Amino acid sequence: MLVVSDEVRDAVAAGRPVVALESTIIAHGLPRPRNLRVALELEQTVRDEGAVPATIAVLDGRPHVGLHKAQLERVAHEDGIRKLSQRDLPLAVATGASGATTVSATALLAARAGVRVFATGGLGGVHREWTQTQDESADLRLLARTRITVVCAGVKSILDVPATLQRLETLGVAVAGYGTERFPGFYLADSGEPVDWTLRTPEEVARVMRAQDGLEGGDSALIVANPVPEEEQLDPALHARVLESGLRACAEEGVSGQAVTPFLLDYLVRHTDGASLEANLAAVRGNVRLAGRIAAAWAAV
């Protein structure tokens, strides 16, 4: 059922570095035609670090780990590409649907293909006003039972960051800042929350991964929280002002459930004149670059 490209399969079998990439940013995160340019750029960034890119998507009901250019073009340009979380995968497979994979679906399929390192932008997490909505991303539970190293810029800043960190702790998911003692906030280099552990080199990350395997303490992820460079982050004052306005707009328009995140992300893009999108891309580029280096260090281990 899982279609693994020849390049990815051969690299995994030979113990060469591979980096998984999600496809939601291609289909739903960027306007056309920029989305395809960014997809190709991110794959090239992985290659520049000596690793093989494994972009993941579902096409006509078949999960693919590793896409060739024509498939990337399809994800970027085809209308009707769905957004698939881990829970949606059986439905997409059974109905022959095509979709771009979120963090949870990408992590699951990457792990099934033997890919250990995954780069993304920001994780999902616990939503604001959780006590009323009980709204929590599927990313968290999936990462609690999947052995994969996720390089990200923290969790999306529109979420309840302290509650998300507490939830990750409860679920037994290891979290470390990369070169920082502060947990990054997606668009922001610092969410305002500390991290308990700091890792400073790809080799150190790879040693933690090896220790995970050696201890056999259950299949859970390692989150490597890599901050966007301060000079490329969204202005914190602008972020706070626009987010507060966006939350009010959510309440006034009755936006709830799964619609909240895309509404707020789009609101931030429109009301920061695209600055939030550029900060997002800066974070993703840095995460992909670091993931390539971690994958190379892991292959060496």
Protein backbone atom coordinates (compact mmCIF):
# COMPACT_ATOMS: atom_id res chain seq x y z
CA MET A 1 0.00 0.00 0.00
CA LEU A 2 2.89 2.37 0.77
CA VAL A 3 4.73 3.55 -2.36
CA VAL A 4 8.34 4.41 -1.56
CA SER A 5 10.37 5.97 -4.35
CA ASP A 6 13.41 4.04 -5.57
CA GLU A 7 15.73 6.80 -4.39
CA VAL A 8 14.31 6.86 -0.87
CA ARG A 9 14.09 3.07 -0.59
CA ASP A 10 17.69 2.62 -1.71
CA ALA A 11 18.94 5.33 0.67
CA VAL A 12 17.09 3.84 3.65
CA ALA A 13 18.35 0.34 2.84
CA ALA A 14 21.93 1.60 2.55
CA GLY A 15 21.76 3.68 5.73
CA ARG A 16 22.20 6.96 3.87
CA PRO A 17 20.61 10.16 5.21
CA VAL A 18 16.98 10.84 4.33
CA VAL A 19 14.71 13.73 5.39
CA ALA A 20 10.91 13.53 5.27
CA LEU A 21 9.02 16.65 4.16
CA GLU A 22 5.31 17.32 4.51
CA SER A 23 3.21 18.39 1.53
CA THR A 24 0.56 20.55 3.22
CA ILE A 25 2.75 23.62 2.80
CA ILE A 26 2.77 22.93 -0.95
CA ALA A 27 -0.95 22.41 -1.44
CA HIS A 28 -2.43 24.64 1.25
CA GLY A 29 0.25 26.88 2.73
CA LEU A 30 1.43 28.95 -0.22
CA PRO A 31 -0.09 30.62 -3.28
CA ARG A 32 0.54 29.28 -6.77
CA PRO A 33 3.04 29.23 -8.45
CA ARG A 34 5.28 30.05 -5.49
CA ASN A 35 4.30 26.80 -3.76
CA LEU A 36 6.03 24.65 -6.36
CA ARG A 37 9.16 26.82 -6.35
CA VAL A 38 9.39 26.48 -2.57
CA ALA A 39 8.80 22.71 -2.73
CA LEU A 40 11.67 22.31 -5.18
CA GLU A 41 13.84 24.67 -3.15
CA LEU A 42 13.31 22.67 0.06
CA GLU A 43 14.14 19.40 -1.67
CA GLN A 44 17.33 20.99 -3.04
CA THR A 45 18.23 22.23 0.44
CA VAL A 46 18.06 18.65 1.70
CA ARG A 47 20.30 17.52 -1.16
CA ASP A 48 22.77 20.33 -0.46
CA GLU A 49 23.23 18.83 3.01
CA GLY A 50 24.01 15.43 1.53
CA ALA A 51 20.62 13.83 2.25
CA VAL A 52 17.76 12.48 0.14
CA PRO A 53 14.43 14.38 0.30
CA ALA A 54 11.29 12.33 0.87
CA THR A 55 8.28 14.57 0.29
CA ILE A 56 5.13 12.71 1.34
CA ALA A 57 1.61 12.85 -0.09
CA VAL A 58 -1.32 10.59 -1.01
CA LEU A 59 -2.12 10.34 -4.73
CA ASP A 60 -5.18 8.48 -5.98
CA GLY A 61 -5.44 6.61 -2.71
CA ARG A 62 -1.80 5.55 -2.57
CA PRO A 63 0.53 7.02 0.08
CA HIS A 64 3.83 8.08 -1.49
CA VAL A 65 7.11 8.58 0.36
CA GLY A 66 9.30 10.46 -2.09
CA LEU A 67 7.80 12.33 -5.05
CA HIS A 68 9.23 12.98 -8.48
CA LYS A 69 8.82 16.40 -10.09
CA ALA A 70 5.59 15.63 -11.94
CA GLN A 71 4.00 14.46 -8.67
CA LEU A 72 5.17 17.59 -6.87
CA GLU A 73 3.63 19.65 -9.66
CA ARG A 74 0.37 17.78 -9.23
CA VAL A 75 0.25 18.45 -5.49
CA ALA A 76 1.05 22.10 -6.11
CA HIS A 77 -1.33 22.78 -9.00
CA GLU A 78 -4.23 20.32 -8.91
CA ASP A 79 -7.54 21.53 -7.55
CA GLY A 80 -9.23 19.34 -4.95
CA ILE A 81 -6.09 18.17 -3.14
CA ARG A 82 -7.34 17.42 0.36
CA LYS A 83 -5.59 18.12 3.65
CA LEU A 84 -4.92 14.77 5.31
CA SER A 85 -4.23 14.17 8.96
CA GLN A 86 -3.30 10.72 10.27
CA ARG A 87 -6.96 9.91 10.92
CA ASP A 88 -7.83 10.64 7.28
CA LEU A 89 -5.36 8.20 5.72
CA PRO A 90 -7.59 5.09 5.71
CA LEU A 91 -10.45 7.10 4.22
CA ALA A 92 -8.22 8.57 1.52
CA VAL A 93 -6.78 5.15 0.65
CA ALA A 94 -10.16 3.44 0.52
CA THR A 95 -11.81 6.13 -1.61
CA GLY A 96 -8.88 6.77 -3.93
CA ALA A 97 -8.54 10.38 -2.82
CA SER A 98 -5.50 12.60 -3.24
CA GLY A 99 -4.23 14.77 -0.44
CA ALA A 100 -1.36 16.64 1.13
CA THR A 101 -0.15 15.29 4.47
CA THR A 102 -0.06 17.23 7.72
CA VAL A 103 2.52 16.66 10.46
CA SER A 104 0.75 13.63 11.93
CA ALA A 105 0.21 11.89 8.59
CA THR A 106 3.72 12.70 7.38
CA ALA A 107 5.35 11.44 10.56
CA LEU A 108 3.37 8.19 10.44
CA LEU A 109 4.15 7.44 6.79
CA ALA A 110 7.80 8.44 7.13
CA ALA A 111 8.26 6.10 10.08
CA ARG A 112 6.56 3.27 8.17
CA ALA A 113 9.10 3.78 5.38
CA GLY A 114 12.05 3.73 7.78
CA VAL A 115 12.76 7.47 7.60
CA ARG A 116 13.88 8.77 10.99
CA VAL A 117 14.22 12.55 10.46
CA PHE A 118 11.38 14.88 9.50
CA ALA A 119 11.45 18.66 8.92
CA THR A 120 8.41 20.89 9.17
CA GLY A 121 7.44 24.45 10.09
CA GLY A 122 5.49 24.43 13.34
CA LEU A 123 3.67 21.66 15.17
CA GLY A 124 0.01 21.64 16.06
CA GLY A 125 -0.88 21.57 19.72
CA VAL A 126 -3.40 22.53 22.38
CA HIS A 127 -5.74 25.27 21.23
CA ARG A 128 -6.55 28.35 23.23
CA GLU A 129 -9.63 28.01 25.45
CA TRP A 130 -9.06 24.26 25.54
CA THR A 131 -11.14 23.94 28.69
CA GLN A 132 -14.20 24.99 26.66
CA THR A 133 -13.40 23.46 23.26
CA GLN A 134 -11.32 20.35 24.13
CA ASP A 135 -9.53 21.09 20.84
CA GLU A 136 -6.11 19.49 20.51
CA SER A 137 -4.07 18.65 17.41
CA ALA A 138 -3.70 15.03 16.37
CA ASP A 139 0.03 15.76 16.05
CA LEU A 140 0.58 15.30 19.77
CA ARG A 141 -0.81 11.79 20.25
CA LEU A 142 0.76 10.56 17.02
CA LEU A 143 4.18 11.81 18.10
CA ALA A 144 3.71 10.08 21.44
CA ARG A 145 3.71 6.71 19.68
CA THR A 146 6.01 7.29 16.70
CA ARG A 147 9.81 7.03 16.79
CA ILE A 148 10.84 9.97 14.63
CA THR A 149 12.91 13.11 15.11
CA VAL A 150 10.95 16.22 14.17
CA VAL A 151 12.84 19.44 13.46
CA CYS A 152 10.41 22.32 13.84
CA ALA A 153 10.16 25.95 14.92
CA GLY A 154 8.15 25.01 18.00
CA VAL A 155 4.36 25.03 17.83
CA LYS A 156 2.20 27.50 15.99
CA SER A 157 2.09 30.71 18.00
CA ILE A 158 -1.68 30.98 17.64
CA LEU A 159 -1.98 28.00 20.03
CA ASP A 160 -1.67 27.68 23.81
CA VAL A 161 2.09 27.13 23.96
CA PRO A 162 2.44 26.43 27.72
CA ALA A 163 -0.43 23.93 27.62
CA THR A 164 1.08 22.24 24.56
CA LEU A 165 4.43 21.81 26.30
CA GLN A 166 2.68 20.36 29.33
CA ARG A 167 0.77 17.97 27.10
CA LEU A 168 3.94 16.82 25.36
CA GLU A 169 5.47 16.15 28.77
CA THR A 170 2.43 14.13 29.84
CA LEU A 171 2.62 12.10 26.62
CA GLY A 172 6.32 11.37 27.13
CA VAL A 173 7.56 13.22 24.06
CA ALA A 174 11.11 14.54 24.47
CA VAL A 175 11.59 18.23 23.63
CA ALA A 176 14.92 20.04 23.23
CA GLY A 177 15.81 23.49 22.00
CA TYR A 178 18.48 23.62 19.32
CA GLY A 179 21.08 26.16 20.34
CA THR A 180 18.58 27.87 22.62
CA GLU A 181 17.21 27.63 26.13
CA ARG A 182 13.88 29.13 25.02
CA PHE A 183 11.09 27.33 23.21
CA PRO A 184 10.56 28.99 19.82
CA GLY A 185 7.16 30.29 18.76
CA PHE A 186 6.95 29.49 15.05
CA TYR A 187 6.98 33.05 13.67
CA LEU A 188 8.93 34.15 16.75
CA ALA A 189 12.35 33.08 17.98
CA ASP A 190 11.06 32.95 21.56
CA SER A 191 7.55 31.90 22.62
CA GLY A 192 8.20 33.10 26.15
CA GLU A 193 8.54 29.54 27.47
CA PRO A 194 11.79 27.80 28.52
CA VAL A 195 13.00 24.36 27.50
CA ASP A 196 14.55 21.87 29.90
CA TRP A 197 17.18 20.64 27.44
CA THR A 198 19.41 22.29 24.86
CA LEU A 199 21.23 20.46 22.06
CA ARG A 200 23.92 22.28 20.13
CA THR A 201 25.15 20.06 17.28
CA PRO A 202 23.63 17.56 14.84
CA GLU A 203 25.92 14.93 16.32
CA GLU A 204 24.48 15.57 19.77
CA VAL A 205 20.97 15.11 18.40
CA ALA A 206 22.03 11.84 16.77
CA ARG A 207 23.40 10.61 20.11
CA VAL A 208 20.03 11.29 21.72
CA MET A 209 18.35 9.31 18.94
CA ARG A 210 20.72 6.42 19.55
CA ALA A 211 20.01 6.60 23.28
CA GLN A 212 16.26 6.46 22.55
CA ASP A 213 16.77 3.22 20.68
CA GLY A 214 19.10 1.77 23.29
CA LEU A 215 16.81 2.48 26.22
CA GLU A 216 13.77 0.96 24.48
CA GLY A 217 11.53 3.24 26.49
CA GLY A 218 8.65 3.17 24.03
CA ASP A 219 8.14 4.59 20.58
CA SER A 220 7.90 8.34 20.98
CA ALA A 221 9.29 11.26 19.01
CA LEU A 222 12.14 13.63 19.69
CA ILE A 223 11.20 17.27 19.07
CA VAL A 224 14.14 19.47 18.07
CA ALA A 225 12.87 23.03 18.41
CA ASN A 226 14.92 25.22 16.10
CA PRO A 227 14.17 28.97 16.36
CA VAL A 228 13.76 31.19 13.33
CA PRO A 229 16.68 33.66 13.23
CA GLU A 230 15.76 36.82 15.14
CA GLU A 231 16.48 39.00 12.11
CA GLU A 232 13.92 36.99 10.10
CA GLN A 233 11.20 36.59 12.73
CA LEU A 234 7.89 38.42 12.64
CA ASP A 235 8.02 41.61 14.69
CA PRO A 236 6.80 40.46 18.14
CA ALA A 237 4.71 43.59 18.75
CA LEU A 238 3.04 43.26 15.35
CA HIS A 239 2.44 39.56 15.99
CA ALA A 240 0.78 40.21 19.36
CA ARG A 241 -1.40 43.00 17.99
CA VAL A 242 -2.60 41.11 14.92
CA LEU A 243 -3.14 37.84 16.79
CA GLU A 244 -5.31 39.60 19.39
CA SER A 245 -7.35 41.16 16.59
CA GLY A 246 -7.60 37.79 14.81
CA LEU A 247 -8.88 36.05 17.93
CA ARG A 248 -11.59 38.70 18.26
CA ALA A 249 -12.52 38.21 14.61
CA CYS A 250 -12.77 34.46 15.22
CA ALA A 251 -15.25 34.99 18.04
CA GLU A 252 -17.28 37.57 16.13
CA GLU A 253 -17.55 35.38 13.02
CA GLY A 254 -18.29 32.19 14.95
CA VAL A 255 -15.21 30.36 13.64
CA SER A 256 -14.57 27.21 15.68
CA GLY A 257 -12.99 23.75 15.65
CA GLN A 258 -10.67 22.84 12.80
CA ALA A 259 -11.48 26.10 11.02
CA VAL A 260 -9.72 28.22 13.67
CA THR A 261 -6.12 27.48 12.69
CA PRO A 262 -6.43 28.18 8.93
CA PHE A 263 -8.54 31.27 9.70
CA LEU A 264 -5.92 32.72 12.05
CA LEU A 265 -2.97 31.85 9.82
CA ASP A 266 -4.66 33.53 6.86
CA TYR A 267 -5.60 36.50 9.05
CA LEU A 268 -1.97 36.92 10.08
CA VAL A 269 -0.77 36.83 6.48
CA ARG A 270 -3.32 39.45 5.37
CA HIS A 271 -2.89 41.79 8.32
CA THR A 272 0.92 41.68 8.39
CA ASP A 273 1.18 42.34 4.63
CA GLY A 274 2.70 38.90 4.13
CA ALA A 275 5.38 39.28 6.81
CA SER A 276 4.10 36.25 8.73
CA LEU A 277 4.39 34.11 5.60
CA GLU A 278 8.00 35.20 5.08
CA ALA A 279 8.82 34.38 8.71
CA ASN A 280 7.16 30.99 8.25
CA LEU A 281 9.29 30.27 5.18
CA ALA A 282 12.46 31.42 6.96
CA ALA A 283 11.68 28.98 9.76
CA VAL A 284 10.97 26.11 7.35
CA ARG A 285 14.18 26.70 5.41
CA GLY A 286 16.24 26.65 8.59
CA ASN A 287 14.51 23.52 9.82
CA VAL A 288 15.05 21.67 6.55
CA ARG A 289 18.73 22.63 6.52
CA LEU A 290 19.20 21.45 10.10
CA ALA A 291 17.25 18.24 9.45
CA GLY A 292 19.61 17.41 6.58
CA ARG A 293 22.58 17.79 8.91
CA ILE A 294 20.94 15.70 11.63
CA ALA A 295 20.10 12.98 9.10
CA ALA A 296 23.73 12.93 8.00
CA ALA A 297 24.90 12.69 11.61
CA TRP A 298 22.39 9.90 12.27
CA ALA A 299 23.60 7.98 9.22
CA ALA A 300 27.15 8.28 10.53
CA VAL A 301 26.06 6.87 13.91
